[in-house]
């Protein structure tokens, strides 16, 4: 309840759009500070995937499969075989 009240106060004081821009800029610098350029590239790709359900009015769960299935396959030990089958490694 305390966090909800704090969020409402920030929204009333600064407005939703201004606060969203502040959070975006903060996250941009945090990601850049921790991971550098590769992290920013990954952030932009993930942002695009996250916007797909909004643009096409679909479910977010379908887009999560695009991210999670390769992770599951790699954790199961099939990653190297799939990479070879797709010809991604010379």
PDB file of N, CA and C in Angstrom:
ATOM      1  N   UNK A   1       0.826  -1.195   0.000  1.00  0.00           N
ATOM      2  CA  UNK A   1       0.000   0.000   0.000  1.00  0.00           C
ATOM      3  C   UNK A   1       0.870   1.257   0.000  1.00  0.00           C
ATOM      4  N   UNK A   2       1.987   1.199   0.706  1.00  0.00           N
ATOM      5  CA  UNK A   2       2.864   2.370   0.764  1.00  0.00           C
ATOM      6  C   UNK A   2       3.455   2.723  -0.589  1.00  0.00           C
ATOM      7  N   UNK A   3       3.868   1.691  -1.344  1.00  0.00           N
ATOM      8  CA  UNK A   3       4.417   1.948  -2.679  1.00  0.00           C
ATOM      9  C   UNK A   3       3.350   2.497  -3.625  1.00  0.00           C
ATOM     10  N   UNK A   4       2.121   2.002  -3.484  1.00  0.00           N
ATOM     11  CA  UNK A   4       1.029   2.514  -4.320  1.00  0.00           C
ATOM     12  C   UNK A   4       0.766   3.990  -4.033  1.00  0.00           C
ATOM     13  N   UNK A   5       0.774   4.344  -2.764  1.00  0.00           N
ATOM     14  CA  UNK A   5       0.567   5.754  -2.407  1.00  0.00           C
ATOM     15  C   UNK A   5       1.699   6.628  -2.929  1.00  0.00           C
ATOM     16  N   UNK A   6       2.935   6.125  -2.813  1.00  0.00           N
ATOM     17  CA  UNK A   6       4.082   6.892  -3.321  1.00  0.00           C
ATOM     18  C   UNK A   6       3.990   7.067  -4.834  1.00  0.00           C
ATOM     19  N   UNK A   7       3.571   6.013  -5.534  1.00  0.00           N
ATOM     20  CA  UNK A   7       3.421   6.114  -6.983  1.00  0.00           C
ATOM     21  C   UNK A   7       2.334   7.118  -7.354  1.00  0.00           C
ATOM     22  N   UNK A   8       1.246   7.130  -6.619  1.00  0.00           N
ATOM     23  CA  UNK A   8       0.174   8.090  -6.898  1.00  0.00           C
ATOM     24  C   UNK A   8       0.633   9.520  -6.649  1.00  0.00           C
ATOM     25  N   UNK A   9       1.423   9.719  -5.600  1.00  0.00           N
ATOM     26  CA  UNK A   9       1.929  11.068  -5.320  1.00  0.00           C
ATOM     27  C   UNK A   9       2.865  11.537  -6.432  1.00  0.00           C
ATOM     28  N   UNK A  10       3.738  10.635  -6.896  1.00  0.00           N
ATOM     29  CA  UNK A  10       4.628  11.004  -8.005  1.00  0.00           C
ATOM     30  C   UNK A  10       3.837  11.311  -9.267  1.00  0.00           C
ATOM     31  N   UNK A  11       2.800  10.513  -9.521  1.00  0.00           N
ATOM     32  CA  UNK A  11       1.981  10.741 -10.708  1.00  0.00           C
ATOM     33  C   UNK A  11       1.259  12.077 -10.620  1.00  0.00           C
ATOM     34  N   UNK A  12       0.731  12.406  -9.455  1.00  0.00           N
ATOM     35  CA  UNK A  12       0.034  13.682  -9.293  1.00  0.00           C
ATOM     36  C   UNK A  12       0.991  14.867  -9.369  1.00  0.00           C
ATOM     37  N   UNK A  13       2.212  14.681  -8.865  1.00  0.00           N
ATOM     38  CA  UNK A  13       3.161  15.787  -8.820  1.00  0.00           C
ATOM     39  C   UNK A  13       3.812  16.031 -10.181  1.00  0.00           C
ATOM     40  N   UNK A  14       4.293  14.969 -10.844  1.00  0.00           N
ATOM     41  CA  UNK A  14       5.065  15.126 -12.082  1.00  0.00           C
ATOM     42  C   UNK A  14       4.296  14.742 -13.337  1.00  0.00           C
ATOM     43  N   UNK A  15       3.307  13.922 -13.227  1.00  0.00           N
ATOM     44  CA  UNK A  15       2.589  13.441 -14.395  1.00  0.00           C
ATOM     45  C   UNK A  15       3.190  12.128 -14.892  1.00  0.00           C
ATOM     46  N   UNK A  16       2.341  11.338 -15.489  1.00  0.00           N
ATOM     47  CA  UNK A  16       2.727   9.994 -15.912  1.00  0.00           C
ATOM     48  C   UNK A  16       3.809  10.019 -16.980  1.00  0.00           C
ATOM     49  N   UNK A  17       3.644  10.870 -17.995  1.00  0.00           N
ATOM     50  CA  UNK A  17       4.625  10.911 -19.092  1.00  0.00           C
ATOM     51  C   UNK A  17       6.005  11.365 -18.626  1.00  0.00           C
ATOM     52  N   UNK A  18       6.055  12.400 -17.839  1.00  0.00           N
ATOM     53  CA  UNK A  18       7.347  12.900 -17.359  1.00  0.00           C
ATOM     54  C   UNK A  18       8.043  11.836 -16.500  1.00  0.00           C
ATOM     55  N   UNK A  19       7.279  11.192 -15.617  1.00  0.00           N
ATOM     56  CA  UNK A  19       7.858  10.157 -14.778  1.00  0.00           C
ATOM     57  C   UNK A  19       8.324   8.970 -15.620  1.00  0.00           C
ATOM     58  N   UNK A  20       7.587   8.616 -16.675  1.00  0.00           N
ATOM     59  CA  UNK A  20       7.997   7.528 -17.569  1.00  0.00           C
ATOM     60  C   UNK A  20       9.305   7.863 -18.263  1.00  0.00           C
ATOM     61  N   UNK A  21       9.474   9.105 -18.693  1.00  0.00           N
ATOM     62  CA  UNK A  21      10.735   9.505 -19.330  1.00  0.00           C
ATOM     63  C   UNK A  21      11.905   9.459 -18.345  1.00  0.00           C
ATOM     64  N   UNK A  22      11.661   9.858 -17.119  1.00  0.00           N
ATOM     65  CA  UNK A  22      12.717   9.802 -16.101  1.00  0.00           C
ATOM     66  C   UNK A  22      13.147   8.358 -15.856  1.00  0.00           C
ATOM     67  N   UNK A  23      12.169   7.460 -15.761  1.00  0.00           N
ATOM     68  CA  UNK A  23      12.488   6.040 -15.561  1.00  0.00           C
ATOM     69  C   UNK A  23      13.232   5.495 -16.771  1.00  0.00           C
ATOM     70  N   UNK A  24      12.793   5.842 -17.987  1.00  0.00           N
ATOM     71  CA  UNK A  24      13.459   5.363 -19.205  1.00  0.00           C
ATOM     72  C   UNK A  24      14.917   5.814 -19.247  1.00  0.00           C
ATOM     73  N   UNK A  25      15.160   7.072 -18.976  1.00  0.00           N
ATOM     74  CA  UNK A  25      16.531   7.587 -19.018  1.00  0.00           C
ATOM     75  C   UNK A  25      17.380   6.927 -17.932  1.00  0.00           C
ATOM     76  N   UNK A  26      16.794   6.739 -16.757  1.00  0.00           N
ATOM     77  CA  UNK A  26      17.522   6.066 -15.678  1.00  0.00           C
ATOM     78  C   UNK A  26      17.892   4.640 -16.069  1.00  0.00           C
ATOM     79  N   UNK A  27      16.928   3.892 -16.622  1.00  0.00           N
ATOM     80  CA  UNK A  27      17.214   2.519 -17.045  1.00  0.00           C
ATOM     81  C   UNK A  27      18.247   2.472 -18.161  1.00  0.00           C
ATOM     82  N   UNK A  28      18.189   3.435 -19.070  1.00  0.00           N
ATOM     83  CA  UNK A  28      19.166   3.507 -20.148  1.00  0.00           C
ATOM     84  C   UNK A  28      20.581   3.616 -19.584  1.00  0.00           C
ATOM     85  N   UNK A  29      20.783   4.519 -18.636  1.00  0.00           N
ATOM     86  CA  UNK A  29      22.121   4.698 -18.061  1.00  0.00           C
ATOM     87  C   UNK A  29      22.535   3.517 -17.182  1.00  0.00           C
ATOM     88  N   UNK A  30      21.586   2.903 -16.488  1.00  0.00           N
ATOM     89  CA  UNK A  30      21.917   1.733 -15.677  1.00  0.00           C
ATOM     90  C   UNK A  30      22.380   0.586 -16.569  1.00  0.00           C
ATOM     91  N   UNK A  31      21.625   0.317 -17.649  1.00  0.00           N
ATOM     92  CA  UNK A  31      21.997  -0.772 -18.563  1.00  0.00           C
ATOM     93  C   UNK A  31      23.329  -0.471 -19.220  1.00  0.00           C
ATOM     94  N   UNK A  32      23.535   0.764 -19.658  1.00  0.00           N
ATOM     95  CA  UNK A  32      24.804   1.120 -20.286  1.00  0.00           C
ATOM     96  C   UNK A  32      25.962   1.000 -19.289  1.00  0.00           C
ATOM     97  N   UNK A  33      25.749   1.410 -18.052  1.00  0.00           N
ATOM     98  CA  UNK A  33      26.801   1.342 -17.047  1.00  0.00           C
ATOM     99  C   UNK A  33      27.200  -0.081 -16.691  1.00  0.00           C
ATOM    100  N   UNK A  34      26.239  -0.988 -16.705  1.00  0.00           N
ATOM    101  CA  UNK A  34      26.524  -2.367 -16.307  1.00  0.00           C
ATOM    102  C   UNK A  34      27.014  -3.202 -17.490  1.00  0.00           C
ATOM    103  N   UNK A  35      26.393  -3.053 -18.663  1.00  0.00           N
ATOM    104  CA  UNK A  35      26.684  -3.971 -19.779  1.00  0.00           C
ATOM    105  C   UNK A  35      27.317  -3.303 -20.987  1.00  0.00           C
ATOM    106  N   UNK A  36      27.238  -1.989 -21.098  1.00  0.00           N
ATOM    107  CA  UNK A  36      27.823  -1.300 -22.246  1.00  0.00           C
ATOM    108  C   UNK A  36      26.929  -1.385 -23.477  1.00  0.00           C
ATOM    109  N   UNK A  37      27.552  -1.264 -24.644  1.00  0.00           N
ATOM    110  CA  UNK A  37      26.820  -1.253 -25.919  1.00  0.00           C
ATOM    111  C   UNK A  37      26.059  -2.560 -26.171  1.00  0.00           C
ATOM    112  N   UNK A  38      26.653  -3.758 -25.918  1.00  0.00           N
ATOM    113  CA  UNK A  38      25.873  -4.984 -26.144  1.00  0.00           C
ATOM    114  C   UNK A  38      24.583  -5.027 -25.327  1.00  0.00           C
ATOM    115  N   UNK A  39      24.617  -4.534 -24.107  1.00  0.00           N
ATOM    116  CA  UNK A  39      23.411  -4.500 -23.286  1.00  0.00           C
ATOM    117  C   UNK A  39      22.357  -3.567 -23.848  1.00  0.00           C
ATOM    118  N   UNK A  40      22.799  -2.429 -24.400  1.00  0.00           N
ATOM    119  CA  UNK A  40      21.831  -1.504 -25.012  1.00  0.00           C
ATOM    120  C   UNK A  40      21.199  -2.121 -26.252  1.00  0.00           C
ATOM    121  N   UNK A  41      21.992  -2.829 -27.048  1.00  0.00           N
ATOM    122  CA  UNK A  41      21.433  -3.487 -28.222  1.00  0.00           C
ATOM    123  C   UNK A  41      20.395  -4.530 -27.823  1.00  0.00           C
ATOM    124  N   UNK A  42      20.709  -5.308 -26.799  1.00  0.00           N
ATOM    125  CA  UNK A  42      19.751  -6.295 -26.311  1.00  0.00           C
ATOM    126  C   UNK A  42      18.506  -5.610 -25.751  1.00  0.00           C
ATOM    127  N   UNK A  43      18.678  -4.486 -25.076  1.00  0.00           N
ATOM    128  CA  UNK A  43      17.544  -3.745 -24.533  1.00  0.00           C
ATOM    129  C   UNK A  43      16.621  -3.268 -25.651  1.00  0.00           C
ATOM    130  N   UNK A  44      17.194  -2.774 -26.754  1.00  0.00           N
ATOM    131  CA  UNK A  44      16.362  -2.316 -27.864  1.00  0.00           C
ATOM    132  C   UNK A  44      15.619  -3.464 -28.524  1.00  0.00           C
ATOM    133  N   UNK A  45      16.263  -4.618 -28.663  1.00  0.00           N
ATOM    134  CA  UNK A  45      15.583  -5.787 -29.238  1.00  0.00           C
ATOM    135  C   UNK A  45      14.439  -6.228 -28.334  1.00  0.00           C
ATOM    136  N   UNK A  46      14.694  -6.288 -27.041  1.00  0.00           N
ATOM    137  CA  UNK A  46      13.655  -6.695 -26.090  1.00  0.00           C
ATOM    138  C   UNK A  46      12.506  -5.685 -26.044  1.00  0.00           C
ATOM    139  N   UNK A  47      12.824  -4.415 -26.222  1.00  0.00           N
ATOM    140  CA  UNK A  47      11.772  -3.400 -26.279  1.00  0.00           C
ATOM    141  C   UNK A  47      10.880  -3.629 -27.492  1.00  0.00           C
ATOM    142  N   UNK A  48      11.497  -3.941 -28.632  1.00  0.00           N
ATOM    143  CA  UNK A  48      10.714  -4.239 -29.834  1.00  0.00           C
ATOM    144  C   UNK A  48       9.816  -5.449 -29.644  1.00  0.00           C
ATOM    145  N   UNK A  49      10.350  -6.499 -29.021  1.00  0.00           N
ATOM    146  CA  UNK A  49       9.541  -7.689 -28.759  1.00  0.00           C
ATOM    147  C   UNK A  49       8.421  -7.351 -27.779  1.00  0.00           C
ATOM    148  N   UNK A  50       8.701  -6.526 -26.800  1.00  0.00           N
ATOM    149  CA  UNK A  50       7.683  -6.138 -25.832  1.00  0.00           C
ATOM    150  C   UNK A  50       6.583  -5.267 -26.425  1.00  0.00           C
ATOM    151  N   UNK A  51       6.904  -4.516 -27.483  1.00  0.00           N
ATOM    152  CA  UNK A  51       5.896  -3.670 -28.125  1.00  0.00           C
ATOM    153  C   UNK A  51       5.012  -4.428 -29.110  1.00  0.00           C
ATOM    154  N   UNK A  52       5.446  -5.595 -29.554  1.00  0.00           N
ATOM    155  CA  UNK A  52       4.656  -6.347 -30.537  1.00  0.00           C
ATOM    156  C   UNK A  52       3.217  -6.628 -30.087  1.00  0.00           C
ATOM    157  N   UNK A  53       3.005  -7.120 -28.865  1.00  0.00           N
ATOM    158  CA  UNK A  53       1.612  -7.377 -28.470  1.00  0.00           C
ATOM    159  C   UNK A  53       0.763  -6.114 -28.458  1.00  0.00           C
ATOM    160  N   UNK A  54       1.354  -4.989 -28.116  1.00  0.00           N
ATOM    161  CA  UNK A  54       0.600  -3.735 -28.087  1.00  0.00           C
ATOM    162  C   UNK A  54       0.227  -3.314 -29.505  1.00  0.00           C
ATOM    163  N   UNK A  55       1.176  -3.432 -30.423  1.00  0.00           N
ATOM    164  CA  UNK A  55       0.923  -2.996 -31.796  1.00  0.00           C
ATOM    165  C   UNK A  55      -0.043  -3.910 -32.536  1.00  0.00           C
ATOM    166  N   UNK A  56       0.055  -5.222 -32.285  1.00  0.00           N
ATOM    167  CA  UNK A  56      -0.774  -6.183 -33.013  1.00  0.00           C
ATOM    168  C   UNK A  56      -1.940  -6.711 -32.198  1.00  0.00           C
ATOM    169  N   UNK A  57      -2.130  -6.173 -31.014  1.00  0.00           N
ATOM    170  CA  UNK A  57      -3.241  -6.548 -30.131  1.00  0.00           C
ATOM    171  C   UNK A  57      -3.298  -8.067 -29.918  1.00  0.00           C
ATOM    172  N   UNK A  58      -2.160  -8.620 -29.562  1.00  0.00           N
ATOM    173  CA  UNK A  58      -2.087 -10.042 -29.276  1.00  0.00           C
ATOM    174  C   UNK A  58      -1.708 -10.237 -27.813  1.00  0.00           C
ATOM    175  N   UNK A  59      -1.562 -11.488 -27.426  1.00  0.00           N
ATOM    176  CA  UNK A  59      -1.226 -11.778 -26.034  1.00  0.00           C
ATOM    177  C   UNK A  59       0.282 -11.694 -25.828  1.00  0.00           C
ATOM    178  N   UNK A  60       0.669 -11.229 -24.684  1.00  0.00           N
ATOM    179  CA  UNK A  60       2.100 -11.117 -24.362  1.00  0.00           C
ATOM    180  C   UNK A  60       2.749 -12.481 -24.182  1.00  0.00           C
ATOM    181  N   UNK A  61       1.981 -13.461 -23.789  1.00  0.00           N
ATOM    182  CA  UNK A  61       2.517 -14.789 -23.545  1.00  0.00           C
ATOM    183  C   UNK A  61       3.104 -15.398 -24.812  1.00  0.00           C
ATOM    184  N   UNK A  62       2.509 -15.115 -25.968  1.00  0.00           N
ATOM    185  CA  UNK A  62       3.037 -15.635 -27.227  1.00  0.00           C
ATOM    186  C   UNK A  62       4.432 -15.090 -27.498  1.00  0.00           C
ATOM    187  N   UNK A  63       4.671 -13.843 -27.203  1.00  0.00           N
ATOM    188  CA  UNK A  63       5.990 -13.258 -27.406  1.00  0.00           C
ATOM    189  C   UNK A  63       6.995 -13.774 -26.383  1.00  0.00           C
ATOM    190  N   UNK A  64       6.531 -14.128 -25.211  1.00  0.00           N
ATOM    191  CA  UNK A  64       7.437 -14.680 -24.206  1.00  0.00           C
ATOM    192  C   UNK A  64       8.004 -16.013 -24.662  1.00  0.00           C
ATOM    193  N   UNK A  65       7.233 -16.770 -25.455  1.00  0.00           N
ATOM    194  CA  UNK A  65       7.730 -18.050 -25.959  1.00  0.00           C
ATOM    195  C   UNK A  65       8.951 -17.839 -26.841  1.00  0.00           C
ATOM    196  N   UNK A  66       8.985 -16.741 -27.585  1.00  0.00           N
ATOM    197  CA  UNK A  66      10.136 -16.438 -28.432  1.00  0.00           C
ATOM    198  C   UNK A  66      11.393 -16.287 -27.582  1.00  0.00           C
ATOM    199  N   UNK A  67      11.245 -15.786 -26.392  1.00  0.00           N
ATOM    200  CA  UNK A  67      12.395 -15.594 -25.501  1.00  0.00           C
ATOM    201  C   UNK A  67      12.706 -16.831 -24.668  1.00  0.00           C
ATOM    202  N   UNK A  68      11.672 -17.517 -24.197  1.00  0.00           N
ATOM    203  CA  UNK A  68      11.881 -18.591 -23.235  1.00  0.00           C
ATOM    204  C   UNK A  68      12.220 -19.944 -23.859  1.00  0.00           C
ATOM    205  N   UNK A  69      11.655 -20.273 -25.016  1.00  0.00           N
ATOM    206  CA  UNK A  69      11.920 -21.583 -25.621  1.00  0.00           C
ATOM    207  C   UNK A  69      13.404 -21.776 -25.914  1.00  0.00           C
ATOM    208  N   UNK A  70      14.121 -20.818 -26.519  1.00  0.00           N
ATOM    209  CA  UNK A  70      15.565 -21.033 -26.707  1.00  0.00           C
ATOM    210  C   UNK A  70      16.327 -21.201 -25.392  1.00  0.00           C
ATOM    211  N   UNK A  71      15.902 -20.509 -24.355  1.00  0.00           N
ATOM    212  CA  UNK A  71      16.557 -20.660 -23.052  1.00  0.00           C
ATOM    213  C   UNK A  71      16.315 -22.058 -22.512  1.00  0.00           C
ATOM    214  N   UNK A  72      15.075 -22.561 -22.615  1.00  0.00           N
ATOM    215  CA  UNK A  72      14.772 -23.914 -22.146  1.00  0.00           C
ATOM    216  C   UNK A  72      15.580 -24.955 -22.908  1.00  0.00           C
ATOM    217  N   UNK A  73      15.659 -24.804 -24.231  1.00  0.00           N
ATOM    218  CA  UNK A  73      16.411 -25.766 -25.039  1.00  0.00           C
ATOM    219  C   UNK A  73      17.891 -25.751 -24.681  1.00  0.00           C
ATOM    220  N   UNK A  74      18.434 -24.585 -24.437  1.00  0.00           N
ATOM    221  CA  UNK A  74      19.838 -24.489 -24.057  1.00  0.00           C
ATOM    222  C   UNK A  74      20.074 -25.104 -22.679  1.00  0.00           C
ATOM    223  N   UNK A  75      19.159 -24.867 -21.756  1.00  0.00           N
ATOM    224  CA  UNK A  75      19.300 -25.444 -20.418  1.00  0.00           C
ATOM    225  C   UNK A  75      19.161 -26.961 -20.452  1.00  0.00           C
ATOM    226  N   UNK A  76      18.409 -27.494 -21.409  1.00  0.00           N
ATOM    227  CA  UNK A  76      18.240 -28.943 -21.530  1.00  0.00           C
ATOM    228  C   UNK A  76      19.434 -29.597 -22.221  1.00  0.00           C
ATOM    229  N   UNK A  77      20.360 -28.787 -22.741  1.00  0.00           N
ATOM    230  CA  UNK A  77      21.555 -29.333 -23.362  1.00  0.00           C
ATOM    231  C   UNK A  77      21.475 -29.469 -24.877  1.00  0.00           C
ATOM    232  N   UNK A  78      20.401 -28.959 -25.479  1.00  0.00           N
ATOM    233  CA  UNK A  78      20.243 -29.063 -26.922  1.00  0.00           C
ATOM    234  C   UNK A  78      20.803 -27.869 -27.681  1.00  0.00           C
ATOM    235  N   UNK A  79      21.304 -26.866 -26.975  1.00  0.00           N
ATOM    236  CA  UNK A  79      21.779 -25.640 -27.604  1.00  0.00           C
ATOM    237  C   UNK A  79      22.827 -25.851 -28.682  1.00  0.00           C
ATOM    238  N   UNK A  80      23.935 -26.557 -28.394  1.00  0.00           N
ATOM    239  CA  UNK A  80      24.974 -26.743 -29.422  1.00  0.00           C
ATOM    240  C   UNK A  80      24.477 -27.486 -30.661  1.00  0.00           C
ATOM    241  N   UNK A  81      23.621 -28.507 -30.460  1.00  0.00           N
ATOM    242  CA  UNK A  81      23.097 -29.253 -31.613  1.00  0.00           C
ATOM    243  C   UNK A  81      22.187 -28.384 -32.478  1.00  0.00           C
ATOM    244  N   UNK A  82      21.382 -27.551 -31.850  1.00  0.00           N
ATOM    245  CA  UNK A  82      20.484 -26.674 -32.603  1.00  0.00           C
ATOM    246  C   UNK A  82      21.290 -25.626 -33.361  1.00  0.00           C
ATOM    247  N   UNK A  83      22.317 -25.097 -32.735  1.00  0.00           N
ATOM    248  CA  UNK A  83      23.163 -24.102 -33.403  1.00  0.00           C
ATOM    249  C   UNK A  83      23.843 -24.704 -34.623  1.00  0.00           C
ATOM    250  N   UNK A  84      24.325 -25.946 -34.498  1.00  0.00           N
ATOM    251  CA  UNK A  84      24.926 -26.626 -35.650  1.00  0.00           C
ATOM    252  C   UNK A  84      23.907 -26.886 -36.741  1.00  0.00           C
ATOM    253  N   UNK A  85      22.703 -27.336 -36.361  1.00  0.00           N
ATOM    254  CA  UNK A  85      21.668 -27.644 -37.343  1.00  0.00           C
ATOM    255  C   UNK A  85      21.234 -26.401 -38.104  1.00  0.00           C
ATOM    256  N   UNK A  86      21.214 -25.257 -37.437  1.00  0.00           N
ATOM    257  CA  UNK A  86      20.825 -24.022 -38.102  1.00  0.00           C
ATOM    258  C   UNK A  86      21.974 -23.396 -38.884  1.00  0.00           C
ATOM    259  N   UNK A  87      23.178 -23.920 -38.710  1.00  0.00           N
ATOM    260  CA  UNK A  87      24.333 -23.386 -39.421  1.00  0.00           C
ATOM    261  C   UNK A  87      24.807 -22.050 -38.897  1.00  0.00           C
ATOM    262  N   UNK A  88      24.605 -21.795 -37.599  1.00  0.00           N
ATOM    263  CA  UNK A  88      24.985 -20.518 -37.031  1.00  0.00           C
ATOM    264  C   UNK A  88      26.457 -20.453 -36.652  1.00  0.00           C
ATOM    265  N   UNK A  89      27.098 -21.614 -36.564  1.00  0.00           N
ATOM    266  CA  UNK A  89      28.533 -21.669 -36.224  1.00  0.00           C
ATOM    267  C   UNK A  89      29.256 -22.272 -37.402  1.00  0.00           C
ATOM    268  N   UNK A  90      30.323 -21.614 -37.813  1.00  0.00           N
ATOM    269  CA  UNK A  90      31.090 -22.071 -38.983  1.00  0.00           C
ATOM    270  C   UNK A  90      31.918 -23.216 -38.638  1.00  0.00           C
TER     271      UNK A  90
END
